Amino acid sequence: EYINSAAAKGWVNGYPDGTFMPDKYITRAEF
């Protein structure tokens, strides 16, 4: 729910293959 909401607001993006990789550690750039 949080990921979908953040995506709807334009806060997060996924990867070119359509994934989000939710359990991947976030990088400094992504943060």
All heavy atoms as atom14 arrays in JSON, in Angstrom:
{
  "sequence": "EYINSAAAKGWVNGYPDGTFMPDKYITRAEF",
  "atom14_mask": [
    [1, 1, 1, 1, 1, 1, 1, 1, 1, 0, 0, 0, 0, 0],
    [1, 1, 1, 1, 1, 1, 1, 1, 1, 1, 1, 1, 0, 0],
    [1, 1, 1, 1, 1, 1, 1, 1, 0, 0, 0, 0, 0, 0],
    [1, 1, 1, 1, 1, 1, 1, 1, 0, 0, 0, 0, 0, 0],
    [1, 1, 1, 1, 1, 1, 0, 0, 0, 0, 0, 0, 0, 0],
    [1, 1, 1, 1, 1, 0, 0, 0, 0, 0, 0, 0, 0, 0],
    [1, 1, 1, 1, 1, 0, 0, 0, 0, 0, 0, 0, 0, 0],
    [1, 1, 1, 1, 1, 0, 0, 0, 0, 0, 0, 0, 0, 0],
    [1, 1, 1, 1, 1, 1, 1, 1, 1, 0, 0, 0, 0, 0],
    [1, 1, 1, 1, 0, 0, 0, 0, 0, 0, 0, 0, 0, 0],
    [1, 1, 1, 1, 1, 1, 1, 1, 1, 1, 1, 1, 1, 1],
    [1, 1, 1, 1, 1, 1, 1, 0, 0, 0, 0, 0, 0, 0],
    [1, 1, 1, 1, 1, 1, 1, 1, 0, 0, 0, 0, 0, 0],
    [1, 1, 1, 1, 0, 0, 0, 0, 0, 0, 0, 0, 0, 0],
    [1, 1, 1, 1, 1, 1, 1, 1, 1, 1, 1, 1, 0, 0],
    [1, 1, 1, 1, 1, 1, 1, 0, 0, 0, 0, 0, 0, 0],
    [1, 1, 1, 1, 1, 1, 1, 1, 0, 0, 0, 0, 0, 0],
    [1, 1, 1, 1, 0, 0, 0, 0, 0, 0, 0, 0, 0, 0],
    [1, 1, 1, 1, 1, 1, 1, 0, 0, 0, 0, 0, 0, 0],
    [1, 1, 1, 1, 1, 1, 1, 1, 1, 1, 1, 0, 0, 0],
    [1, 1, 1, 1, 1, 1, 1, 1, 0, 0, 0, 0, 0, 0],
    [1, 1, 1, 1, 1, 1, 1, 0, 0, 0, 0, 0, 0, 0],
    [1, 1, 1, 1, 1, 1, 1, 1, 0, 0, 0, 0, 0, 0],
    [1, 1, 1, 1, 1, 1, 1, 1, 1, 0, 0, 0, 0, 0],
    [1, 1, 1, 1, 1, 1, 1, 1, 1, 1, 1, 1, 0, 0],
    [1, 1, 1, 1, 1, 1, 1, 1, 0, 0, 0, 0, 0, 0],
    [1, 1, 1, 1, 1, 1, 1, 0, 0, 0, 0, 0, 0, 0],
    [1, 1, 1, 1, 1, 1, 1, 1, 1, 1, 1, 0, 0, 0],
    [1, 1, 1, 1, 1, 0, 0, 0, 0, 0, 0, 0, 0, 0],
    [1, 1, 1, 1, 1, 1, 1, 1, 1, 0, 0, 0, 0, 0],
    [1, 1, 1, 1, 1, 1, 1, 1, 1, 1, 1, 0, 0, 0]
  ],
  "atom14_positions": [
    [[0.83, -1.22, 0.0], [0.0, 0.0, 0.0], [0.86, 1.26, 0.0], [0.55, 2.22, -0.69], [-0.89, 0.04, 1.24], [-2.21, -0.66, 1.12], [-3.07, -0.37, 2.34], [-2.62, -0.69, 3.46], [-4.17, 0.16, 2.16], [0.0, 0.0, 0.0], [0.0, 0.0, 0.0], [0.0, 0.0, 0.0], [0.0, 0.0, 0.0], [0.0, 0.0, 0.0]],
    [[1.91, 1.24, 0.8], [2.79, 2.41, 0.88], [3.52, 2.64, -0.43], [3.66, 3.77, -0.89], [3.81, 2.23, 2.01], [3.21, 2.09, 3.38], [3.37, 0.93, 4.12], [2.48, 3.13, 3.95], [2.83, 0.81, 5.39], [1.93, 3.01, 5.21], [2.11, 1.85, 5.93], [1.57, 1.73, 7.19], [0.0, 0.0, 0.0], [0.0, 0.0, 0.0]],
    [[4.02, 1.57, -1.03], [4.75, 1.68, -2.29], [3.82, 2.2, -3.39], [4.18, 3.11, -4.14], [5.38, 0.32, -2.69], [6.45, -0.08, -1.67], [5.96, 0.39, -4.1], [6.88, -1.55, -1.76], [0.0, 0.0, 0.0], [0.0, 0.0, 0.0], [0.0, 0.0, 0.0], [0.0, 0.0, 0.0], [0.0, 0.0, 0.0], [0.0, 0.0, 0.0]],
    [[2.62, 1.63, -3.47], [1.66, 2.1, -4.48], [1.29, 3.56, -4.28], [1.18, 4.32, -5.23], [0.4, 1.23, -4.45], [0.57, -0.07, -5.19], [1.3, -0.15, -6.18], [-0.09, -1.11, -4.73], [0.0, 0.0, 0.0], [0.0, 0.0, 0.0], [0.0, 0.0, 0.0], [0.0, 0.0, 0.0], [0.0, 0.0, 0.0], [0.0, 0.0, 0.0]],
    [[1.09, 3.96, -3.03], [0.75, 5.35, -2.74], [1.9, 6.28, -3.13], [1.68, 7.33, -3.74], [0.42, 5.5, -1.25], [0.06, 6.83, -0.96], [0.0, 0.0, 0.0], [0.0, 0.0, 0.0], [0.0, 0.0, 0.0], [0.0, 0.0, 0.0], [0.0, 0.0, 0.0], [0.0, 0.0, 0.0], [0.0, 0.0, 0.0], [0.0, 0.0, 0.0]],
    [[3.12, 5.89, -2.77], [4.28, 6.71, -3.11], [4.46, 6.8, -4.62], [4.83, 7.85, -5.16], [5.54, 6.15, -2.45], [0.0, 0.0, 0.0], [0.0, 0.0, 0.0], [0.0, 0.0, 0.0], [0.0, 0.0, 0.0], [0.0, 0.0, 0.0], [0.0, 0.0, 0.0], [0.0, 0.0, 0.0], [0.0, 0.0, 0.0], [0.0, 0.0, 0.0]],
    [[4.17, 5.72, -5.34], [4.27, 5.73, -6.79], [3.2, 6.64, -7.39], [3.46, 7.41, -8.33], [4.13, 4.32, -7.35], [0.0, 0.0, 0.0], [0.0, 0.0, 0.0], [0.0, 0.0, 0.0], [0.0, 0.0, 0.0], [0.0, 0.0, 0.0], [0.0, 0.0, 0.0], [0.0, 0.0, 0.0], [0.0, 0.0, 0.0], [0.0, 0.0, 0.0]],
    [[1.98, 6.59, -6.85], [0.88, 7.43, -7.35], [1.21, 8.91, -7.2], [0.8, 9.73, -8.02], [-0.42, 7.09, -6.61], [0.0, 0.0, 0.0], [0.0, 0.0, 0.0], [0.0, 0.0, 0.0], [0.0, 0.0, 0.0], [0.0, 0.0, 0.0], [0.0, 0.0, 0.0], [0.0, 0.0, 0.0], [0.0, 0.0, 0.0], [0.0, 0.0, 0.0]],
    [[1.96, 9.24, -6.16], [2.33, 10.64, -5.92], [3.59, 11.06, -6.7], [4.01, 12.2, -6.63], [2.55, 10.85, -4.42], [1.27, 10.75, -3.61], [1.57, 10.89, -2.12], [0.33, 11.02, -1.29], [-0.39, 9.79, -1.05], [0.0, 0.0, 0.0], [0.0, 0.0, 0.0], [0.0, 0.0, 0.0], [0.0, 0.0, 0.0], [0.0, 0.0, 0.0]],
    [[4.21, 10.1, -7.38], [5.43, 10.41, -8.12], [6.68, 10.44, -7.27], [7.71, 10.96, -7.68], [0.0, 0.0, 0.0], [0.0, 0.0, 0.0], [0.0, 0.0, 0.0], [0.0, 0.0, 0.0], [0.0, 0.0, 0.0], [0.0, 0.0, 0.0], [0.0, 0.0, 0.0], [0.0, 0.0, 0.0], [0.0, 0.0, 0.0], [0.0, 0.0, 0.0]],
    [[6.61, 9.86, -6.08], [7.74, 9.89, -5.17], [8.75, 8.8, -5.46], [9.94, 8.97, -5.18], [7.29, 9.75, -3.73], [6.44, 10.86, -3.22], [6.2, 12.08, -3.81], [5.72, 10.88, -1.99], [5.38, 12.84, -3.03], [5.06, 12.13, -1.9], [5.56, 9.96, -0.97], [4.26, 12.48, -0.82], [4.75, 10.31, 0.11], [4.12, 11.56, 0.18]],
    [[8.29, 7.64, -5.93], [9.2, 6.53, -6.2], [9.02, 6.05, -7.63], [7.96, 6.2, -8.23], [8.98, 5.33, -5.23], [9.26, 5.72, -3.8], [7.6, 4.74, -5.38], [0.0, 0.0, 0.0], [0.0, 0.0, 0.0], [0.0, 0.0, 0.0], [0.0, 0.0, 0.0], [0.0, 0.0, 0.0], [0.0, 0.0, 0.0], [0.0, 0.0, 0.0]],
    [[10.08, 5.47, -8.14], [10.07, 4.86, -9.46], [10.58, 3.43, -9.34], [11.31, 3.11, -8.41], [10.99, 5.63, -10.42], [10.5, 7.03, -10.66], [9.37, 7.23, -11.1], [11.32, 8.01, -10.35], [0.0, 0.0, 0.0], [0.0, 0.0, 0.0], [0.0, 0.0, 0.0], [0.0, 0.0, 0.0], [0.0, 0.0, 0.0], [0.0, 0.0, 0.0]],
    [[10.21, 2.64, -10.3], [10.72, 1.28, -10.34], [11.87, 1.2, -11.33], [12.43, 2.21, -11.75], [0.0, 0.0, 0.0], [0.0, 0.0, 0.0], [0.0, 0.0, 0.0], [0.0, 0.0, 0.0], [0.0, 0.0, 0.0], [0.0, 0.0, 0.0], [0.0, 0.0, 0.0], [0.0, 0.0, 0.0], [0.0, 0.0, 0.0], [0.0, 0.0, 0.0]],
    [[12.17, -0.01, -11.69], [13.25, -0.28, -12.62], [12.67, -0.52, -14.02], [11.46, -0.76, -14.15], [14.05, -1.49, -12.13], [14.79, -1.18, -10.84], [14.26, -1.54, -9.6], [15.99, -0.49, -10.86], [14.92, -1.24, -8.43], [16.66, -0.19, -9.69], [16.12, -0.56, -8.48], [16.78, -0.24, -7.31], [0.0, 0.0, 0.0], [0.0, 0.0, 0.0]],
    [[13.48, -0.44, -15.05], [12.98, -0.61, -16.43], [12.21, -1.91, -16.66], [11.33, -1.96, -17.53], [14.25, -0.57, -17.28], [15.21, 0.25, -16.47], [14.91, -0.1, -15.02], [0.0, 0.0, 0.0], [0.0, 0.0, 0.0], [0.0, 0.0, 0.0], [0.0, 0.0, 0.0], [0.0, 0.0, 0.0], [0.0, 0.0, 0.0], [0.0, 0.0, 0.0]],
    [[12.47, -2.94, -15.88], [11.77, -4.21, -16.07], [10.41, -4.26, -15.37], [9.75, -5.3, -15.35], [12.63, -5.39, -15.63], [12.92, -5.4, -14.13], [12.5, -4.47, -13.41], [13.58, -6.36, -13.69], [0.0, 0.0, 0.0], [0.0, 0.0, 0.0], [0.0, 0.0, 0.0], [0.0, 0.0, 0.0], [0.0, 0.0, 0.0], [0.0, 0.0, 0.0]],
    [[9.98, -3.14, -14.78], [8.68, -3.07, -14.13], [8.67, -3.48, -12.68], [7.62, -3.51, -12.04], [0.0, 0.0, 0.0], [0.0, 0.0, 0.0], [0.0, 0.0, 0.0], [0.0, 0.0, 0.0], [0.0, 0.0, 0.0], [0.0, 0.0, 0.0], [0.0, 0.0, 0.0], [0.0, 0.0, 0.0], [0.0, 0.0, 0.0], [0.0, 0.0, 0.0]],
    [[9.83, -3.78, -12.11], [9.92, -4.16, -10.71], [10.23, -2.96, -9.82], [10.68, -1.91, -10.31], [11.01, -5.23, -10.48], [12.28, -4.68, -10.84], [10.74, -6.48, -11.3], [0.0, 0.0, 0.0], [0.0, 0.0, 0.0], [0.0, 0.0, 0.0], [0.0, 0.0, 0.0], [0.0, 0.0, 0.0], [0.0, 0.0, 0.0], [0.0, 0.0, 0.0]],
    [[10.01, -3.14, -8.53], [10.37, -2.12, -7.54], [11.54, -2.57, -6.68], [12.28, -1.76, -6.17], [9.16, -1.78, -6.65], [9.45, -0.68, -5.67], [9.57, 0.63, -6.1], [9.6, -0.95, -4.33], [9.85, 1.65, -5.2], [9.87, 0.05, -3.41], [9.99, 1.36, -3.85], [0.0, 0.0, 0.0], [0.0, 0.0, 0.0], [0.0, 0.0, 0.0]],
    [[11.68, -3.87, -6.52], [12.69, -4.48, -5.66], [12.57, -3.91, -4.24], [13.49, -3.26, -3.72], [14.09, -4.28, -6.22], [14.29, -4.93, -7.56], [16.01, -4.82, -8.09], [15.84, -5.26, -9.81], [0.0, 0.0, 0.0], [0.0, 0.0, 0.0], [0.0, 0.0, 0.0], [0.0, 0.0, 0.0], [0.0, 0.0, 0.0], [0.0, 0.0, 0.0]],
    [[11.44, -4.17, -3.59], [11.17, -3.55, -2.29], [12.15, -3.91, -1.18], [12.37, -3.09, -0.28], [9.76, -4.06, -1.95], [9.6, -5.3, -2.74], [10.39, -5.09, -4.0], [0.0, 0.0, 0.0], [0.0, 0.0, 0.0], [0.0, 0.0, 0.0], [0.0, 0.0, 0.0], [0.0, 0.0, 0.0], [0.0, 0.0, 0.0], [0.0, 0.0, 0.0]],
    [[12.75, -5.08, -1.23], [13.65, -5.49, -0.16], [15.11, -5.21, -0.45], [15.99, -5.55, 0.35], [13.43, -6.98, 0.16], [12.02, -7.22, 0.67], [11.53, -6.41, 1.48], [11.4, -8.21, 0.25], [0.0, 0.0, 0.0], [0.0, 0.0, 0.0], [0.0, 0.0, 0.0], [0.0, 0.0, 0.0], [0.0, 0.0, 0.0], [0.0, 0.0, 0.0]],
    [[15.37, -4.54, -1.55], [16.74, -4.13, -1.89], [17.09, -2.91, -1.03], [16.26, -2.03, -0.82], [16.8, -3.76, -3.37], [18.16, -3.3, -3.83], [18.12, -2.93, -5.32], [19.47, -2.37, -5.72], [19.39, -1.63, -6.97], [0.0, 0.0, 0.0], [0.0, 0.0, 0.0], [0.0, 0.0, 0.0], [0.0, 0.0, 0.0], [0.0, 0.0, 0.0]],
    [[18.31, -2.89, -0.52], [18.73, -1.73, 0.25], [18.75, -0.51, -0.65], [19.2, -0.56, -1.78], [20.12, -1.95, 0.88], [20.14, -3.03, 1.93], [21.15, -3.96, 1.97], [19.13, -3.11, 2.9], [21.18, -4.95, 2.95], [19.14, -4.09, 3.86], [20.16, -5.01, 3.88], [20.17, -5.98, 4.84], [0.0, 0.0, 0.0], [0.0, 0.0, 0.0]],
    [[18.25, 0.6, -0.11], [18.18, 1.83, -0.88], [19.56, 2.46, -0.97], [20.34, 2.43, -0.01], [17.13, 2.8, -0.28], [16.76, 3.87, -1.31], [17.59, 3.38, 1.03], [15.46, 4.57, -0.99], [0.0, 0.0, 0.0], [0.0, 0.0, 0.0], [0.0, 0.0, 0.0], [0.0, 0.0, 0.0], [0.0, 0.0, 0.0], [0.0, 0.0, 0.0]],
    [[19.87, 3.01, -2.12], [21.15, 3.69, -2.31], [21.03, 5.15, -1.88], [19.93, 5.68, -1.74], [21.59, 3.64, -3.78], [20.7, 4.44, -4.56], [21.65, 2.21, -4.3], [0.0, 0.0, 0.0], [0.0, 0.0, 0.0], [0.0, 0.0, 0.0], [0.0, 0.0, 0.0], [0.0, 0.0, 0.0], [0.0, 0.0, 0.0], [0.0, 0.0, 0.0]],
    [[22.15, 5.77, -1.71], [22.19, 7.2, -1.39], [21.44, 7.99, -2.45], [20.65, 8.88, -2.13], [23.65, 7.64, -1.29], [23.86, 9.12, -1.07], [25.32, 9.47, -0.97], [25.98, 9.29, -2.25], [27.25, 9.57, -2.49], [28.02, 10.01, -1.51], [27.77, 9.4, -3.67], [0.0, 0.0, 0.0], [0.0, 0.0, 0.0], [0.0, 0.0, 0.0]],
    [[21.65, 7.68, -3.7], [21.01, 8.4, -4.8], [19.49, 8.2, -4.79], [18.72, 9.15, -5.0], [21.58, 7.94, -6.14], [0.0, 0.0, 0.0], [0.0, 0.0, 0.0], [0.0, 0.0, 0.0], [0.0, 0.0, 0.0], [0.0, 0.0, 0.0], [0.0, 0.0, 0.0], [0.0, 0.0, 0.0], [0.0, 0.0, 0.0], [0.0, 0.0, 0.0]],
    [[19.05, 6.98, -4.53], [17.61, 6.71, -4.48], [16.97, 7.42, -3.29], [15.87, 7.97, -3.39], [17.36, 5.2, -4.39], [17.71, 4.46, -5.66], [17.75, 2.95, -5.49], [17.92, 2.45, -4.35], [17.61, 2.26, -6.52], [0.0, 0.0, 0.0], [0.0, 0.0, 0.0], [0.0, 0.0, 0.0], [0.0, 0.0, 0.0], [0.0, 0.0, 0.0]],
    [[17.66, 7.42, -2.16], [17.15, 8.09, -0.96], [16.96, 9.58, -1.23], [15.9, 10.14, -0.96], [18.14, 7.88, 0.2], [17.66, 8.45, 1.51], [17.03, 7.64, 2.42], [17.85, 9.78, 1.83], [16.58, 8.15, 3.64], [17.42, 10.3, 3.02], [16.77, 9.49, 3.95], [0.0, 0.0, 0.0], [0.0, 0.0, 0.0], [0.0, 0.0, 0.0]]
  ]
}
